[in-house]
Amino acid sequence: MIKIKSVKIFLKAQVSAFSGGVTDYGLMILLTEKLHIHFAFSILISGTIGGAVNFFINRYWAFINNNGYAIPAKKQAFRFFSVVLGSISLKSTGTYLLHQTLNMDYRIGRLLIDSIVSYGFNYPLMKFWVFSIKTNANKKVETCGLKKHSDIYA
């Protein structure tokens, strides 16, 4: 049975991923088309910036939970950017391989690879490792964020 809370978290995470993704994809196009940086390097740069956007939206909106304590921000950021580094590597390599082997336009290949990496790699790691929380019984639960919703405005 699917819980409504899980669906809400998933949808919020997708909005966050979309925001970071639009930043990432738009910047990749700009860097590649206007500044003539090879798309594999553009993906590295744009992925880092898009990742930062995604991290802050996830931490302060998508994965907030009041039922436990959050992983400290520095540790969470380290975990997040470890996942982002893996994600960027998969996206850059996958896009390059599609371009080289199938002569697929990098923009189309990137969208295809992004969808696979997003659902198969990023979301599970974000949910269960980066933004997981501990309850008072040290039992992992689904999501994370700040100790209290009011911490956002502190």
Protein backbone atom coordinates (compact mmCIF):
# COMPACT_ATOMS: atom_id res chain seq x y z
CA MET A 1 0.00 0.00 0.00
CA ILE A 2 1.34 3.42 -0.95
CA LYS A 3 1.22 6.02 1.79
CA ILE A 4 0.09 9.55 0.94
CA LYS A 5 3.06 10.96 2.87
CA SER A 6 5.46 8.97 0.67
CA VAL A 7 3.74 10.22 -2.48
CA LYS A 8 3.96 13.83 -1.26
CA ILE A 9 7.66 13.45 -0.49
CA PHE A 10 8.27 11.84 -3.88
CA LEU A 11 6.44 14.67 -5.68
CA LYS A 12 8.30 17.34 -3.72
CA ALA A 13 11.59 15.62 -4.51
CA GLN A 14 10.63 15.60 -8.19
CA VAL A 15 9.87 19.35 -8.10
CA SER A 16 13.26 19.88 -6.46
CA ALA A 17 14.99 17.64 -9.00
CA PHE A 18 13.19 19.46 -11.82
CA SER A 19 14.35 22.85 -10.51
CA GLY A 20 17.94 21.67 -10.23
CA GLY A 21 17.59 19.89 -13.58
CA VAL A 22 16.34 22.98 -15.41
CA THR A 23 19.25 24.95 -13.97
CA ASP A 24 21.66 22.16 -14.93
CA TYR A 25 20.31 21.55 -18.44
CA GLY A 26 19.95 25.25 -19.31
CA LEU A 27 23.45 26.03 -18.12
CA MET A 28 24.83 23.03 -20.05
CA ILE A 29 23.26 24.35 -23.27
CA LEU A 30 24.59 27.86 -22.58
CA LEU A 31 28.11 26.65 -21.85
CA THR A 32 28.18 24.29 -24.83
CA GLU A 33 26.42 26.39 -27.47
CA LYS A 34 27.50 29.92 -26.53
CA LEU A 35 30.85 29.43 -24.82
CA HIS A 36 31.83 26.39 -26.95
CA ILE A 37 32.83 24.22 -24.00
CA HIS A 38 32.69 20.49 -24.80
CA PHE A 39 29.41 19.07 -23.51
CA ALA A 40 31.14 16.56 -21.22
CA PHE A 41 32.78 19.45 -19.33
CA SER A 42 29.63 21.57 -19.51
CA ILE A 43 27.77 18.75 -17.75
CA LEU A 44 30.36 18.80 -14.95
CA ILE A 45 29.99 22.54 -14.40
CA SER A 46 26.23 22.74 -14.84
CA GLY A 47 25.67 19.61 -12.75
CA THR A 48 27.51 21.12 -9.81
CA ILE A 49 25.45 24.31 -9.90
CA GLY A 50 22.19 22.43 -10.51
CA GLY A 51 23.13 20.13 -7.65
CA ALA A 52 23.50 23.06 -5.27
CA VAL A 53 20.03 24.33 -6.22
CA ASN A 54 18.62 20.84 -5.71
CA PHE A 55 20.34 20.41 -2.32
CA PHE A 56 18.87 23.55 -0.81
CA ILE A 57 15.36 22.85 -2.07
CA ASN A 58 15.56 19.26 -0.80
CA ARG A 59 16.97 20.21 2.59
CA TYR A 60 14.60 23.07 3.34
CA TRP A 61 11.42 21.91 1.63
CA ALA A 62 11.17 18.43 0.11
CA PHE A 63 12.60 16.24 2.88
CA ILE A 64 11.49 18.09 6.02
CA ASN A 65 10.36 15.85 8.86
CA ASN A 66 9.39 16.80 12.39
CA ASN A 67 9.52 13.28 13.83
CA GLY A 68 13.26 12.86 14.25
CA TYR A 69 16.58 14.63 14.10
CA ALA A 70 18.39 15.57 10.97
CA ILE A 71 21.85 14.67 9.88
CA PRO A 72 24.02 17.80 10.42
CA ALA A 73 24.08 20.08 7.38
CA LYS A 74 27.80 19.59 6.66
CA LYS A 75 27.52 15.81 6.73
CA GLN A 76 24.35 15.97 4.66
CA ALA A 77 26.03 18.26 2.11
CA PHE A 78 28.99 15.87 1.88
CA ARG A 79 26.65 12.95 1.27
CA PHE A 80 24.61 14.94 -1.22
CA PHE A 81 27.59 16.02 -3.27
CA SER A 82 28.97 12.48 -3.19
CA VAL A 83 25.74 11.39 -4.87
CA VAL A 84 25.89 14.37 -7.25
CA LEU A 85 29.45 13.45 -8.23
CA GLY A 86 28.30 9.93 -9.06
CA SER A 87 25.29 11.32 -10.90
CA ILE A 88 27.39 13.75 -12.94
CA SER A 89 29.80 10.95 -13.82
CA LEU A 90 26.96 8.71 -14.97
CA LYS A 91 25.30 11.51 -16.96
CA SER A 92 28.49 12.70 -18.61
CA THR A 93 29.68 9.19 -19.49
CA GLY A 94 26.25 8.02 -20.62
CA THR A 95 25.68 11.08 -22.79
CA TYR A 96 29.15 10.75 -24.32
CA LEU A 97 28.65 7.03 -25.04
CA LEU A 98 25.26 7.61 -26.68
CA HIS A 99 26.79 10.36 -28.78
CA GLN A 100 29.81 8.28 -29.81
CA THR A 101 28.11 4.93 -30.39
CA LEU A 102 24.71 5.95 -31.76
CA ASN A 103 25.61 9.43 -33.02
CA MET A 104 22.77 10.75 -30.85
CA ASP A 105 22.58 14.50 -30.35
CA TYR A 106 24.00 15.26 -26.90
CA ARG A 107 20.87 17.19 -25.85
CA ILE A 108 18.58 14.23 -26.53
CA GLY A 109 21.04 11.73 -25.07
CA ARG A 110 21.33 13.83 -21.95
CA LEU A 111 17.56 13.85 -21.41
CA LEU A 112 17.41 10.08 -21.84
CA ILE A 113 20.33 9.43 -19.47
CA ASP A 114 18.98 11.97 -16.95
CA SER A 115 15.69 10.13 -16.61
CA ILE A 116 17.46 6.82 -15.94
CA VAL A 117 19.95 8.31 -13.47
CA SER A 118 17.30 10.39 -11.68
CA TYR A 119 14.95 7.55 -10.81
CA GLY A 120 17.42 4.69 -10.58
CA PHE A 121 20.32 6.37 -8.78
CA ASN A 122 19.59 9.83 -7.38
CA TYR A 123 16.18 9.45 -5.76
CA PRO A 124 16.87 6.22 -3.84
CA LEU A 125 20.17 7.57 -2.48
CA MET A 126 18.64 10.94 -1.57
CA LYS A 127 15.72 9.33 0.23
CA PHE A 128 17.50 6.56 2.11
CA TRP A 129 21.00 7.96 2.67
CA VAL A 130 21.37 11.73 2.21
CA PHE A 131 18.10 12.92 3.74
CA SER A 132 17.28 9.98 6.01
CA ILE A 133 16.67 10.78 9.65
CA LYS A 134 16.95 8.95 12.93
CA THR A 135 14.08 8.75 15.39
CA ASN A 136 14.67 8.78 19.11
CA ALA A 137 14.96 5.00 18.96
CA ASN A 138 17.74 5.35 16.34
CA LYS A 139 15.45 3.78 13.80
CA LYS A 140 15.71 5.08 10.24
CA VAL A 141 12.58 6.57 8.76
CA GLU A 142 11.83 7.76 5.27
CA THR A 143 12.83 11.38 5.11
CA CYS A 144 14.87 14.15 6.59
CA GLY A 145 15.32 17.87 6.83
CA LEU A 146 15.44 20.01 9.90
CA LYS A 147 14.52 19.23 13.49
CA LYS A 148 11.52 21.55 13.34
CA HIS A 149 9.77 23.30 10.52
CA SER A 150 10.41 26.57 12.35
CA ASP A 151 14.18 26.01 11.94
CA ILE A 152 13.79 27.11 8.33
CA TYR A 153 13.12 30.64 9.43
CA ALA A 154 15.66 30.81 12.24
